[in-house]
């Protein structure tokens, strides 16, 4: 690992990316293409939010953020509008709101 410190920045980044892909393949069980895509998405998430890579990876891998529907993009952490509407009819509280007293 110390040998990478003397590499030019572009080569160092390529080495770090390849290492992250190899780790992703080993620990997440993804094939090389999926692991490379995941690492790129994690890097993007980290950069957009100003997070370290490890924090972005935790968020990326969270079961709440796994996509349930490829068409609409709903994730496990989102509230289903149908369930929210059903709850409103049984509780008397409008979906997304509260009753006024």
C-alpha atoms as a PDB file:
ATOM      1  CA  UNK A   1       0.000   0.000   0.000  1.00  0.00           C
ATOM      2  CA  UNK A   2       2.854   2.416   0.744  1.00  0.00           C
ATOM      3  CA  UNK A   3       4.094   1.999  -2.823  1.00  0.00           C
ATOM      4  CA  UNK A   4       0.925   3.691  -4.083  1.00  0.00           C
ATOM      5  CA  UNK A   5       1.818   6.911  -2.234  1.00  0.00           C
ATOM      6  CA  UNK A   6       4.566   7.639  -4.745  1.00  0.00           C
ATOM      7  CA  UNK A   7       2.326   7.084  -7.779  1.00  0.00           C
ATOM      8  CA  UNK A   8       0.917  10.003  -9.761  1.00  0.00           C
ATOM      9  CA  UNK A   9      -2.604  10.962  -8.592  1.00  0.00           C
ATOM     10  CA  UNK A  10      -4.406   9.448 -11.594  1.00  0.00           C
ATOM     11  CA  UNK A  11      -2.659   6.087 -11.150  1.00  0.00           C
ATOM     12  CA  UNK A  12      -3.223   6.170  -7.394  1.00  0.00           C
ATOM     13  CA  UNK A  13      -6.950   6.747  -7.930  1.00  0.00           C
ATOM     14  CA  UNK A  14      -7.101   3.902 -10.476  1.00  0.00           C
ATOM     15  CA  UNK A  15      -5.364   1.590  -8.006  1.00  0.00           C
ATOM     16  CA  UNK A  16      -7.759   2.610  -5.202  1.00  0.00           C
ATOM     17  CA  UNK A  17     -10.769   2.069  -7.497  1.00  0.00           C
ATOM     18  CA  UNK A  18      -9.535  -1.408  -8.494  1.00  0.00           C
ATOM     19  CA  UNK A  19      -8.976  -2.292  -4.835  1.00  0.00           C
ATOM     20  CA  UNK A  20     -12.473  -1.071  -3.903  1.00  0.00           C
ATOM     21  CA  UNK A  21     -13.971  -3.159  -6.720  1.00  0.00           C
ATOM     22  CA  UNK A  22     -12.067  -6.263  -5.552  1.00  0.00           C
ATOM     23  CA  UNK A  23     -13.265  -5.725  -1.972  1.00  0.00           C
ATOM     24  CA  UNK A  24     -16.839  -5.188  -3.166  1.00  0.00           C
ATOM     25  CA  UNK A  25     -16.693  -8.438  -5.130  1.00  0.00           C
ATOM     26  CA  UNK A  26     -15.384 -10.329  -2.091  1.00  0.00           C
ATOM     27  CA  UNK A  27     -17.687  -8.859   0.540  1.00  0.00           C
ATOM     28  CA  UNK A  28     -20.891  -8.076  -1.363  1.00  0.00           C
ATOM     29  CA  UNK A  29     -20.704 -11.061  -3.706  1.00  0.00           C
ATOM     30  CA  UNK A  30     -21.065  -8.895  -6.817  1.00  0.00           C
ATOM     31  CA  UNK A  31     -19.526  -9.760 -10.174  1.00  0.00           C
ATOM     32  CA  UNK A  32     -16.826  -7.450 -11.566  1.00  0.00           C
ATOM     33  CA  UNK A  33     -19.185  -5.288 -13.650  1.00  0.00           C
ATOM     34  CA  UNK A  34     -21.751  -4.847 -10.871  1.00  0.00           C
ATOM     35  CA  UNK A  35     -19.007  -4.160  -8.313  1.00  0.00           C
ATOM     36  CA  UNK A  36     -17.463  -1.473 -10.544  1.00  0.00           C
ATOM     37  CA  UNK A  37     -20.892   0.137 -10.992  1.00  0.00           C
ATOM     38  CA  UNK A  38     -21.536   0.003  -7.242  1.00  0.00           C
ATOM     39  CA  UNK A  39     -18.161   1.550  -6.402  1.00  0.00           C
ATOM     40  CA  UNK A  40     -18.805   4.367  -8.892  1.00  0.00           C
ATOM     41  CA  UNK A  41     -22.271   4.990  -7.421  1.00  0.00           C
ATOM     42  CA  UNK A  42     -20.836   4.973  -3.886  1.00  0.00           C
ATOM     43  CA  UNK A  43     -18.127   7.435  -4.919  1.00  0.00           C
ATOM     44  CA  UNK A  44     -20.785   9.695  -6.448  1.00  0.00           C
ATOM     45  CA  UNK A  45     -22.912   9.479  -3.288  1.00  0.00           C
ATOM     46  CA  UNK A  46     -19.886  10.312  -1.129  1.00  0.00           C
ATOM     47  CA  UNK A  47     -18.903  13.269  -3.301  1.00  0.00           C
ATOM     48  CA  UNK A  48     -22.442  14.703  -3.515  1.00  0.00           C
ATOM     49  CA  UNK A  49     -22.867  14.598   0.265  1.00  0.00           C
ATOM     50  CA  UNK A  50     -19.312  15.340   1.363  1.00  0.00           C
ATOM     51  CA  UNK A  51     -19.097  11.952   3.091  1.00  0.00           C
ATOM     52  CA  UNK A  52     -16.154   9.591   3.433  1.00  0.00           C
ATOM     53  CA  UNK A  53     -16.399   6.539   1.158  1.00  0.00           C
ATOM     54  CA  UNK A  54     -17.110   4.214   4.119  1.00  0.00           C
ATOM     55  CA  UNK A  55     -20.132   6.285   5.232  1.00  0.00           C
ATOM     56  CA  UNK A  56     -21.476   6.431   1.680  1.00  0.00           C
ATOM     57  CA  UNK A  57     -21.093   2.656   1.387  1.00  0.00           C
ATOM     58  CA  UNK A  58     -23.108   2.097   4.569  1.00  0.00           C
ATOM     59  CA  UNK A  59     -25.885   4.319   3.198  1.00  0.00           C
ATOM     60  CA  UNK A  60     -25.708   2.644  -0.229  1.00  0.00           C
ATOM     61  CA  UNK A  61     -25.956  -0.843   1.289  1.00  0.00           C
ATOM     62  CA  UNK A  62     -28.724   0.025   3.776  1.00  0.00           C
ATOM     63  CA  UNK A  63     -31.778  -2.204   3.259  1.00  0.00           C
ATOM     64  CA  UNK A  64     -33.926   0.953   3.455  1.00  0.00           C
ATOM     65  CA  UNK A  65     -32.303   2.252   0.268  1.00  0.00           C
ATOM     66  CA  UNK A  66     -32.732  -0.897  -1.808  1.00  0.00           C
ATOM     67  CA  UNK A  67     -34.995  -0.274  -4.797  1.00  0.00           C
ATOM     68  CA  UNK A  68     -38.245  -2.223  -4.773  1.00  0.00           C
ATOM     69  CA  UNK A  69     -39.481  -1.040  -8.177  1.00  0.00           C
ATOM     70  CA  UNK A  70     -37.227  -0.313 -11.167  1.00  0.00           C
ATOM     71  CA  UNK A  71     -40.053   1.579 -12.899  1.00  0.00           C
ATOM     72  CA  UNK A  72     -40.830   4.167 -10.228  1.00  0.00           C
ATOM     73  CA  UNK A  73     -37.723   3.988  -8.017  1.00  0.00           C
ATOM     74  CA  UNK A  74     -39.523   3.262  -4.743  1.00  0.00           C
ATOM     75  CA  UNK A  75     -37.203   2.044  -2.005  1.00  0.00           C
ATOM     76  CA  UNK A  76     -37.833  -0.054   1.101  1.00  0.00           C
ATOM     77  CA  UNK A  77     -37.506   3.084   3.255  1.00  0.00           C
ATOM     78  CA  UNK A  78     -40.307   4.981   1.509  1.00  0.00           C
ATOM     79  CA  UNK A  79     -43.906   4.918   2.686  1.00  0.00           C
ATOM     80  CA  UNK A  80     -46.247   3.353   0.158  1.00  0.00           C
ATOM     81  CA  UNK A  81     -48.959   5.870  -0.845  1.00  0.00           C
ATOM     82  CA  UNK A  82     -51.573   3.089  -0.889  1.00  0.00           C
ATOM     83  CA  UNK A  83     -50.703   2.032   2.657  1.00  0.00           C
ATOM     84  CA  UNK A  84     -50.648   5.661   3.788  1.00  0.00           C
ATOM     85  CA  UNK A  85     -54.119   6.247   2.283  1.00  0.00           C
ATOM     86  CA  UNK A  86     -55.449   3.044   3.875  1.00  0.00           C
ATOM     87  CA  UNK A  87     -54.105   4.138   7.252  1.00  0.00           C
ATOM     88  CA  UNK A  88     -55.838   7.508   6.855  1.00  0.00           C
ATOM     89  CA  UNK A  89     -59.214   5.847   6.277  1.00  0.00           C
ATOM     90  CA  UNK A  90     -58.891   3.635   9.346  1.00  0.00           C
ATOM     91  CA  UNK A  91     -57.497   6.310  11.676  1.00  0.00           C
ATOM     92  CA  UNK A  92     -59.320   9.348  10.361  1.00  0.00           C
ATOM     93  CA  UNK A  93     -55.997  11.154   9.833  1.00  0.00           C
ATOM     94  CA  UNK A  94     -55.513  12.378   6.264  1.00  0.00           C
ATOM     95  CA  UNK A  95     -52.525  10.956   4.422  1.00  0.00           C
ATOM     96  CA  UNK A  96     -49.538  13.144   5.202  1.00  0.00           C
ATOM     97  CA  UNK A  97     -51.447  15.345   7.625  1.00  0.00           C
ATOM     98  CA  UNK A  98     -52.972  15.685  11.025  1.00  0.00           C
ATOM     99  CA  UNK A  99     -56.467  16.406  12.199  1.00  0.00           C
ATOM    100  CA  UNK A 100     -57.152  19.821  13.641  1.00  0.00           C
ATOM    101  CA  UNK A 101     -58.815  20.091  17.035  1.00  0.00           C
END
